[in-house]
Amino acid sequence: MTARPPTPRRAPITDWTHRVLTHAYRGQPPADVIARAVRLLATADGHLDTRGQLTTERAARRQK
């Protein structure tokens, strides 16, 4: 008996978000667009380093 693959987590989106995804990013998988947006936001907020790795508070304090 083989194990079933894990089910991906899905968060509900608003009607506005759906409209943006379907009109501005036509032809692109919504999950890919949202993943890029989260990565950009996390980088801008200082939660990811330049390699895309999560930063710890301790590491962030050392960089300041």
N, C-alpha and C. Protein backbone atom coordinates (compact mmCIF):
# COMPACT_ATOMS: atom_id res chain seq x y z
N MET A 1 0.85 -1.18 0.00
CA MET A 1 0.00 0.00 0.00
C MET A 1 0.90 1.24 0.00
N THR A 2 0.66 2.15 -0.93
CA THR A 2 1.47 3.37 -1.00
C THR A 2 0.75 4.51 -0.29
N ALA A 3 1.55 5.39 0.27
CA ALA A 3 0.98 6.53 0.99
C ALA A 3 0.47 7.57 -0.02
N ARG A 4 -0.61 8.21 0.34
CA ARG A 4 -1.15 9.27 -0.51
C ARG A 4 -0.30 10.52 -0.35
N PRO A 5 -0.10 11.25 -1.44
CA PRO A 5 0.68 12.50 -1.32
C PRO A 5 -0.08 13.50 -0.46
N PRO A 6 0.64 14.37 0.24
CA PRO A 6 -0.04 15.35 1.10
C PRO A 6 -0.88 16.31 0.26
N THR A 7 -1.99 16.72 0.81
CA THR A 7 -2.86 17.69 0.15
C THR A 7 -2.31 19.08 0.39
N PRO A 8 -2.13 19.89 -0.67
CA PRO A 8 -1.59 21.24 -0.45
C PRO A 8 -2.59 22.10 0.33
N ARG A 9 -2.05 22.98 1.13
CA ARG A 9 -2.92 23.90 1.89
C ARG A 9 -3.46 24.94 0.94
N ARG A 10 -4.70 25.27 1.13
CA ARG A 10 -5.33 26.30 0.29
C ARG A 10 -6.02 27.31 1.19
N ALA A 11 -5.70 28.55 0.95
CA ALA A 11 -6.34 29.62 1.70
C ALA A 11 -7.39 30.26 0.81
N PRO A 12 -8.53 30.60 1.37
CA PRO A 12 -9.55 31.27 0.55
C PRO A 12 -9.06 32.65 0.12
N ILE A 13 -9.45 33.07 -1.07
CA ILE A 13 -9.09 34.40 -1.54
C ILE A 13 -10.35 35.22 -1.74
N THR A 14 -10.19 36.52 -1.72
CA THR A 14 -11.32 37.41 -1.90
C THR A 14 -11.66 37.53 -3.38
N ASP A 15 -12.84 38.06 -3.66
CA ASP A 15 -13.23 38.28 -5.06
C ASP A 15 -12.26 39.24 -5.74
N TRP A 16 -11.81 40.27 -5.02
CA TRP A 16 -10.88 41.24 -5.58
C TRP A 16 -9.56 40.56 -5.97
N THR A 17 -9.04 39.72 -5.07
CA THR A 17 -7.79 39.01 -5.36
C THR A 17 -7.97 38.11 -6.58
N HIS A 18 -9.09 37.45 -6.67
CA HIS A 18 -9.36 36.58 -7.82
C HIS A 18 -9.38 37.38 -9.12
N ARG A 19 -10.00 38.57 -9.09
CA ARG A 19 -10.04 39.42 -10.28
C ARG A 19 -8.63 39.86 -10.69
N VAL A 20 -7.82 40.25 -9.72
CA VAL A 20 -6.44 40.66 -10.03
C VAL A 20 -5.67 39.49 -10.65
N LEU A 21 -5.78 38.32 -10.04
CA LEU A 21 -5.06 37.15 -10.54
C LEU A 21 -5.48 36.78 -11.95
N THR A 22 -6.78 36.83 -12.23
CA THR A 22 -7.25 36.38 -13.54
C THR A 22 -7.07 37.43 -14.64
N HIS A 23 -7.00 38.70 -14.28
CA HIS A 23 -6.86 39.74 -15.30
C HIS A 23 -5.42 40.19 -15.48
N ALA A 24 -4.72 40.45 -14.38
CA ALA A 24 -3.36 40.98 -14.47
C ALA A 24 -2.33 39.89 -14.73
N TYR A 25 -2.62 38.68 -14.32
CA TYR A 25 -1.66 37.58 -14.46
C TYR A 25 -2.26 36.43 -15.26
N ARG A 26 -2.96 36.78 -16.31
CA ARG A 26 -3.63 35.82 -17.18
C ARG A 26 -2.63 34.77 -17.69
N GLY A 27 -3.02 33.52 -17.58
CA GLY A 27 -2.19 32.43 -18.10
C GLY A 27 -1.16 31.91 -17.11
N GLN A 28 -1.02 32.56 -15.97
CA GLN A 28 -0.07 32.11 -14.96
C GLN A 28 -0.82 31.42 -13.84
N PRO A 29 -0.29 30.33 -13.32
CA PRO A 29 -0.97 29.65 -12.22
C PRO A 29 -1.08 30.58 -11.01
N PRO A 30 -2.28 30.75 -10.46
CA PRO A 30 -2.45 31.64 -9.31
C PRO A 30 -1.51 31.31 -8.14
N ALA A 31 -1.26 30.05 -7.90
CA ALA A 31 -0.37 29.68 -6.79
C ALA A 31 1.04 30.22 -7.03
N ASP A 32 1.50 30.23 -8.28
CA ASP A 32 2.83 30.76 -8.59
C ASP A 32 2.89 32.27 -8.37
N VAL A 33 1.83 32.95 -8.78
CA VAL A 33 1.78 34.41 -8.62
C VAL A 33 1.78 34.76 -7.13
N ILE A 34 0.97 34.07 -6.35
CA ILE A 34 0.90 34.34 -4.92
C ILE A 34 2.23 34.01 -4.24
N ALA A 35 2.88 32.93 -4.65
CA ALA A 35 4.18 32.56 -4.06
C ALA A 35 5.21 33.66 -4.33
N ARG A 36 5.22 34.20 -5.55
CA ARG A 36 6.16 35.29 -5.86
C ARG A 36 5.85 36.52 -5.02
N ALA A 37 4.57 36.82 -4.86
CA ALA A 37 4.17 37.99 -4.08
C ALA A 37 4.60 37.85 -2.62
N VAL A 38 4.42 36.67 -2.06
CA VAL A 38 4.81 36.45 -0.67
C VAL A 38 6.33 36.57 -0.52
N ARG A 39 7.06 36.01 -1.49
CA ARG A 39 8.53 36.11 -1.45
C ARG A 39 8.98 37.57 -1.52
N LEU A 40 8.38 38.35 -2.42
CA LEU A 40 8.73 39.76 -2.52
C LEU A 40 8.44 40.51 -1.22
N LEU A 41 7.28 40.26 -0.64
CA LEU A 41 6.90 40.92 0.60
C LEU A 41 7.83 40.53 1.75
N ALA A 42 8.12 39.24 1.87
CA ALA A 42 9.00 38.78 2.94
C ALA A 42 10.41 39.35 2.78
N THR A 43 10.88 39.47 1.55
CA THR A 43 12.20 40.06 1.31
C THR A 43 12.19 41.54 1.68
N ALA A 44 11.17 42.26 1.24
CA ALA A 44 11.07 43.69 1.54
C ALA A 44 10.96 43.95 3.03
N ASP A 45 10.31 43.07 3.75
CA ASP A 45 10.14 43.23 5.19
C ASP A 45 11.34 42.73 5.98
N GLY A 46 12.35 42.18 5.28
CA GLY A 46 13.56 41.73 5.95
C GLY A 46 13.48 40.34 6.55
N HIS A 47 12.51 39.55 6.14
CA HIS A 47 12.37 38.20 6.68
C HIS A 47 13.14 37.16 5.86
N LEU A 48 13.61 37.56 4.66
CA LEU A 48 14.42 36.68 3.82
C LEU A 48 15.74 37.38 3.51
N ASP A 49 16.82 36.61 3.44
CA ASP A 49 18.09 37.20 3.03
C ASP A 49 18.17 37.21 1.50
N THR A 50 19.30 37.63 0.96
CA THR A 50 19.44 37.75 -0.49
C THR A 50 19.40 36.41 -1.20
N ARG A 51 19.64 35.31 -0.46
CA ARG A 51 19.56 33.97 -1.06
C ARG A 51 18.17 33.38 -0.96
N GLY A 52 17.24 34.11 -0.32
CA GLY A 52 15.88 33.61 -0.17
C GLY A 52 15.70 32.73 1.05
N GLN A 53 16.66 32.75 1.96
CA GLN A 53 16.58 31.95 3.18
C GLN A 53 15.95 32.79 4.29
N LEU A 54 15.17 32.15 5.15
CA LEU A 54 14.58 32.84 6.28
C LEU A 54 15.67 33.39 7.18
N THR A 55 15.47 34.61 7.65
CA THR A 55 16.42 35.20 8.58
C THR A 55 15.87 35.08 9.99
N THR A 56 16.75 34.94 10.92
CA THR A 56 16.34 34.91 12.32
C THR A 56 16.47 36.31 12.89
N GLU A 57 15.82 36.58 13.99
CA GLU A 57 15.93 37.89 14.61
C GLU A 57 17.37 38.16 15.02
N ARG A 58 18.03 37.14 15.49
CA ARG A 58 19.41 37.29 15.93
C ARG A 58 20.31 37.69 14.75
N ALA A 59 20.15 37.03 13.62
CA ALA A 59 20.94 37.34 12.44
C ALA A 59 20.61 38.75 11.94
N ALA A 60 19.35 39.12 12.00
CA ALA A 60 18.94 40.46 11.53
C ALA A 60 19.57 41.53 12.41
N ARG A 61 19.64 41.30 13.72
CA ARG A 61 20.26 42.28 14.63
C ARG A 61 21.76 42.42 14.32
N ARG A 62 22.42 41.32 13.97
CA ARG A 62 23.85 41.39 13.67
C ARG A 62 24.12 42.21 12.42
N GLN A 63 23.20 42.21 11.48
CA GLN A 63 23.41 42.92 10.22
C GLN A 63 23.22 44.43 10.36
N LYS A 64 22.56 44.87 11.40
CA LYS A 64 22.28 46.31 11.56
C LYS A 64 23.45 47.05 12.10
